[in-house]
């Protein structure tokens, strides 16, 4: 009986051990499978984390590029607005330029006419030179090869030359109204004198005509001409009383001259 019990116990122990050994192998196998699955899951998680980091970096880069693009677009829009403003200004300037060009030629013609009238009413010094300048100026106004700027330069130069006569002193030799050679002295536009080559006759331009001076002025005027022309060193000059004309008297002389011309034309 005891032997049977021992055999039964041994068989039970053996069967239990066999079952436990088989179950332990299964458990270990499953544990290995679980470990491998955990490793794969961890690797997958790490991959997802890397993908997430890359996505985050891509998003940050996209945000920076978006900000840069927005800033660039704003600057571009500002530049476009400035270009549009400049274009509008250019169009306005073109319209104004066309208007100025339309009025410029009549204005220049009027200025030439006014200058001609002024020279005609002025004291008769350097008549040939001033007449030639006016003739050249009139030809330039009709010259299609010259630009408006060149014409304006010529016109302003002519005006500047005429203005300079008012504050300069000059002595020169030229032919008088009778074709005789004489010495002339101009003191601005205040005084204009002539002396014959033999110093025998001295005259003063006054009230639109030549008036003979007393003989005592012959030598002083000869000396004054030499000083003004640079043939003698600078020194005090003595001349008859200068004639100061007001603008009203010049205008009256100009209108009188115009009336005389009208009568002569008639």
Protein backbone atom coordinates (compact mmCIF):
# COMPACT_ATOMS: atom_id res chain seq x y z
CA UNK A 1 0.00 0.00 0.00
CA UNK A 2 2.74 2.26 0.97
CA UNK A 3 4.59 1.39 -2.18
CA UNK A 4 1.54 2.25 -4.28
CA UNK A 5 1.19 5.57 -2.53
CA UNK A 6 4.82 6.35 -3.11
CA UNK A 7 4.50 5.41 -6.78
CA UNK A 8 1.39 7.56 -7.11
CA UNK A 9 3.09 10.49 -5.42
CA UNK A 10 6.09 10.10 -7.65
CA UNK A 11 3.92 10.01 -10.72
CA UNK A 12 2.05 13.10 -9.49
CA UNK A 13 5.25 14.94 -8.83
CA UNK A 14 6.65 13.90 -12.21
CA UNK A 15 3.54 14.93 -14.07
CA UNK A 16 3.41 18.21 -12.18
CA UNK A 17 7.06 18.91 -12.90
CA UNK A 18 6.55 18.03 -16.53
CA UNK A 19 3.54 20.32 -16.74
CA UNK A 20 5.40 23.13 -14.95
CA UNK A 21 8.38 22.70 -17.23
CA UNK A 22 6.16 22.89 -20.27
CA UNK A 23 4.26 25.91 -18.88
CA UNK A 24 7.51 27.68 -17.97
CA UNK A 25 8.75 27.33 -21.55
CA UNK A 26 5.54 28.78 -22.80
CA UNK A 27 5.79 31.64 -20.34
CA UNK A 28 9.39 32.34 -21.28
CA UNK A 29 8.50 32.22 -24.95
CA UNK A 30 5.63 34.60 -24.44
CA UNK A 31 7.87 36.83 -22.34
CA UNK A 32 10.37 36.94 -25.17
CA UNK A 33 7.59 37.77 -27.57
CA UNK A 34 6.35 40.47 -25.22
CA UNK A 35 9.84 41.86 -24.85
CA UNK A 36 10.29 41.93 -28.62
CA UNK A 37 6.90 43.55 -29.04
CA UNK A 38 7.85 46.11 -26.38
CA UNK A 39 11.12 46.80 -28.20
CA UNK A 40 9.27 47.18 -31.48
CA UNK A 41 6.72 49.44 -29.80
CA UNK A 42 9.53 51.47 -28.23
CA UNK A 43 11.25 51.76 -31.59
CA UNK A 44 7.97 52.78 -33.17
CA UNK A 45 7.43 55.35 -30.42
CA UNK A 46 10.92 56.68 -30.91
CA UNK A 47 10.22 56.90 -34.65
CA UNK A 48 6.99 58.72 -33.94
CA UNK A 49 8.83 61.07 -31.56
CA UNK A 50 11.44 61.75 -34.24
CA UNK A 51 8.70 62.32 -36.79
CA UNK A 52 6.99 64.64 -34.33
CA UNK A 53 10.22 66.54 -33.74
CA UNK A 54 10.79 66.80 -37.48
CA UNK A 55 7.21 67.94 -37.97
CA UNK A 56 7.66 70.50 -35.20
CA UNK A 57 10.90 71.77 -36.79
CA UNK A 58 9.21 71.88 -40.19
CA UNK A 59 6.34 73.84 -38.66
CA UNK A 60 8.73 76.27 -36.95
CA UNK A 61 10.63 76.72 -40.20
CA UNK A 62 7.34 77.24 -42.05
CA UNK A 63 6.27 79.80 -39.42
CA UNK A 64 9.57 81.69 -39.80
CA UNK A 65 9.28 81.59 -43.58
CA UNK A 66 5.68 82.73 -43.29
CA UNK A 67 6.73 85.70 -41.16
CA UNK A 68 9.54 86.52 -43.59
CA UNK A 69 7.17 86.19 -46.52
CA UNK A 70 4.64 88.40 -44.80
CA UNK A 71 7.30 91.02 -44.08
CA UNK A 72 8.56 90.80 -47.69
CA UNK A 73 5.02 91.12 -49.03
CA UNK A 74 4.47 94.18 -46.83
CA UNK A 75 7.68 95.79 -48.08
CA UNK A 76 6.73 94.85 -51.64
CA UNK A 77 3.31 96.39 -51.18
CA UNK A 78 4.89 99.55 -49.79
CA UNK A 79 7.24 99.68 -52.79
CA UNK A 80 4.34 99.12 -55.17
CA UNK A 81 2.41 101.92 -53.48
CA UNK A 82 5.42 104.23 -53.82
CA UNK A 83 5.72 103.20 -57.48
CA UNK A 84 2.04 103.90 -58.03
CA UNK A 85 2.42 107.28 -56.29
CA UNK A 86 5.50 108.08 -58.40
CA UNK A 87 3.64 107.02 -61.55
CA UNK A 88 0.74 109.32 -60.68
CA UNK A 89 3.22 112.13 -60.00
CA UNK A 90 4.96 111.48 -63.31
CA UNK A 91 1.64 111.62 -65.13
CA UNK A 92 0.79 114.88 -63.38
CA UNK A 93 4.23 116.23 -64.25
CA UNK A 94 3.74 115.22 -67.87
CA UNK A 95 0.44 117.05 -67.99
CA UNK A 96 2.06 120.08 -66.37
CA UNK A 97 5.03 119.83 -68.74
CA UNK A 98 2.74 119.76 -71.76
CA UNK A 99 0.92 122.79 -70.41
CA UNK A 100 4.20 124.60 -69.78
CA UNK A 101 5.47 123.74 -73.26
CA UNK A 102 2.27 125.08 -74.77
CA UNK A 103 2.76 128.38 -72.95
CA UNK A 104 6.55 128.43 -73.14
CA UNK A 105 6.96 129.39 -76.78
CA UNK A 106 4.58 132.39 -76.61
CA UNK A 107 6.33 133.42 -73.40
CA UNK A 108 9.77 133.24 -75.01
CA UNK A 109 8.52 135.14 -78.05
CA UNK A 110 7.10 137.80 -75.75
CA UNK A 111 10.40 138.01 -73.87
CA UNK A 112 12.31 138.45 -77.14
CA UNK A 113 9.91 141.19 -78.21
CA UNK A 114 10.20 142.94 -74.84
CA UNK A 115 13.97 142.74 -75.03
CA UNK A 116 13.90 144.20 -78.55
CA UNK A 117 11.68 147.04 -77.37
CA UNK A 118 13.96 147.68 -74.43
CA UNK A 119 17.08 147.79 -76.60
CA UNK A 120 15.33 150.14 -79.06
CA UNK A 121 14.37 152.48 -76.22
CA UNK A 122 17.77 152.25 -74.52
CA UNK A 123 20.76 154.51 -75.08
CA UNK A 124 22.36 153.63 -78.44
CA UNK A 125 25.59 151.93 -77.37
CA UNK A 126 27.03 148.87 -79.16
CA UNK A 127 24.16 149.02 -81.60
CA UNK A 128 25.56 146.51 -84.09
CA UNK A 129 26.55 144.01 -81.41
CA UNK A 130 23.20 144.18 -79.62
CA UNK A 131 21.25 144.05 -82.88
CA UNK A 132 23.22 140.97 -83.96
CA UNK A 133 22.52 139.31 -80.60
CA UNK A 134 18.81 139.97 -80.96
CA UNK A 135 18.79 138.68 -84.54
CA UNK A 136 20.59 135.51 -83.45
CA UNK A 137 18.11 135.12 -80.61
CA UNK A 138 15.12 135.44 -82.93
CA UNK A 139 16.60 132.86 -85.30
CA UNK A 140 17.21 130.51 -82.37
CA UNK A 141 13.57 130.77 -81.31
CA UNK A 142 12.55 129.41 -84.74
CA UNK A 143 15.29 126.76 -84.86
CA UNK A 144 13.63 123.32 -84.61
CA UNK A 145 16.97 121.65 -83.85
CA UNK A 146 17.27 123.45 -80.51
CA UNK A 147 15.48 122.23 -77.42
CA UNK A 148 13.38 124.45 -75.20
CA UNK A 149 16.14 124.36 -72.59
CA UNK A 150 18.74 125.59 -75.09
CA UNK A 151 16.43 128.36 -76.23
CA UNK A 152 15.78 129.44 -72.64
CA UNK A 153 19.55 129.45 -71.97
CA UNK A 154 20.15 131.71 -74.97
CA UNK A 155 17.29 133.98 -73.92
CA UNK A 156 18.48 134.26 -70.33
CA UNK A 157 22.06 134.85 -71.47
CA UNK A 158 20.86 137.75 -73.65
CA UNK A 159 18.94 139.20 -70.71
CA UNK A 160 21.95 138.76 -68.45
CA UNK A 161 24.21 140.60 -70.90
CA UNK A 162 21.74 143.48 -71.09
CA UNK A 163 21.48 143.58 -67.30
CA UNK A 164 25.28 143.67 -66.97
CA UNK A 165 25.42 146.84 -69.05
CA UNK A 166 23.66 148.63 -66.22
CA UNK A 167 26.49 148.25 -63.71
CA UNK A 168 29.61 148.32 -65.89
CA UNK A 169 31.76 151.08 -67.36
CA UNK A 170 33.14 150.68 -70.87
CA UNK A 171 35.13 152.67 -73.37
CA UNK A 172 35.37 151.65 -76.99
CA UNK A 173 35.78 152.96 -80.52
CA UNK A 174 33.03 152.67 -83.14
CA UNK A 175 31.28 154.58 -85.88
CA UNK A 176 28.74 157.21 -84.92
CA UNK A 177 25.35 157.81 -86.52
CA UNK A 178 27.08 159.59 -89.43
CA UNK A 179 29.53 156.78 -90.09
CA UNK A 180 32.47 158.66 -88.58
CA UNK A 181 34.87 156.91 -86.20
CA UNK A 182 34.49 158.13 -82.61
CA UNK A 183 35.43 157.15 -79.08
CA UNK A 184 32.53 156.25 -76.82
CA UNK A 185 32.22 156.14 -73.04
CA UNK A 186 29.38 154.35 -71.29
CA UNK A 187 28.81 154.59 -67.55
CA UNK A 188 26.22 151.96 -66.80
CA UNK A 189 23.02 153.26 -68.31
CA UNK A 190 23.37 156.62 -66.61
CA UNK A 191 25.77 158.30 -68.97
CA UNK A 192 26.77 157.87 -72.61
CA UNK A 193 29.35 160.13 -74.28
CA UNK A 194 31.30 160.37 -77.51
CA UNK A 195 34.53 162.15 -78.41
CA UNK A 196 35.82 162.79 -81.92
CA UNK A 197 39.21 161.23 -82.79
CA UNK A 198 40.90 164.66 -82.74
CA UNK A 199 39.33 165.39 -79.34
CA UNK A 200 37.80 168.49 -80.88
CA UNK A 201 34.17 167.61 -80.16
CA UNK A 202 32.56 165.92 -77.17
CA UNK A 203 28.91 164.99 -76.96
CA UNK A 204 26.45 163.56 -74.45
CA UNK A 205 23.39 161.44 -75.15
CA UNK A 206 20.47 163.20 -73.49
CA UNK A 207 16.72 163.07 -73.97
CA UNK A 208 16.99 160.75 -76.94
CA UNK A 209 19.58 162.75 -78.93
CA UNK A 210 23.23 163.78 -79.00
CA UNK A 211 24.04 167.15 -77.45
CA UNK A 212 27.37 168.87 -77.97
CA UNK A 213 29.24 169.62 -74.73
CA UNK A 214 31.39 172.56 -73.87
CA UNK A 215 35.02 172.30 -74.95
CA UNK A 216 36.18 172.02 -71.32
CA UNK A 217 34.87 168.43 -71.30
CA UNK A 218 36.94 167.25 -74.25
CA UNK A 219 40.13 166.32 -72.41
CA UNK A 220 38.39 164.80 -69.31
CA UNK A 221 36.26 162.62 -71.56
CA UNK A 222 39.28 161.54 -73.61
CA UNK A 223 41.02 160.49 -70.40
CA UNK A 224 37.85 158.77 -69.15
CA UNK A 225 37.61 156.75 -72.37
CA UNK A 226 41.23 155.64 -72.03
CA UNK A 227 40.69 154.59 -68.40
CA UNK A 228 37.42 152.77 -69.17
CA UNK A 229 39.02 150.92 -72.08
CA UNK A 230 41.99 149.84 -69.93
CA UNK A 231 44.58 151.92 -71.80
CA UNK A 232 45.29 153.93 -68.65
CA UNK A 233 45.43 152.68 -65.05
CA UNK A 234 42.28 153.13 -62.94
CA UNK A 235 41.74 156.66 -61.70
CA UNK A 236 38.99 159.13 -60.95
CA UNK A 237 37.10 160.23 -64.02
CA UNK A 238 35.21 163.46 -64.50
CA UNK A 239 32.16 163.60 -66.75
CA UNK A 240 29.20 165.93 -67.15
CA UNK A 241 26.22 165.41 -64.90
CA UNK A 242 24.70 162.01 -65.37
CA UNK A 243 21.13 161.77 -66.56
CA UNK A 244 19.01 159.61 -64.27
CA UNK A 245 15.86 158.35 -65.94
CA UNK A 246 12.91 156.92 -64.11
CA UNK A 247 11.16 153.81 -65.34
CA UNK A 248 8.17 155.97 -66.32
CA UNK A 249 10.30 158.15 -68.59
CA UNK A 250 11.85 155.06 -70.20
CA UNK A 251 8.36 153.67 -70.82
CA UNK A 252 7.29 157.01 -72.28
CA UNK A 253 10.30 157.06 -74.58
CA UNK A 254 9.51 153.50 -75.63
CA UNK A 255 5.88 154.35 -76.38
CA UNK A 256 6.97 157.51 -78.24
CA UNK A 257 9.39 155.44 -80.29
CA UNK A 258 6.61 152.96 -81.04
CA UNK A 259 4.31 155.77 -82.16
CA UNK A 260 7.02 157.18 -84.41
CA UNK A 261 7.51 153.75 -85.95
CA UNK A 262 3.78 153.38 -86.49
CA UNK A 263 3.65 156.77 -88.19
CA UNK A 264 6.65 155.92 -90.36
CA UNK A 265 5.04 152.60 -91.34
CA UNK A 266 1.85 154.41 -92.28
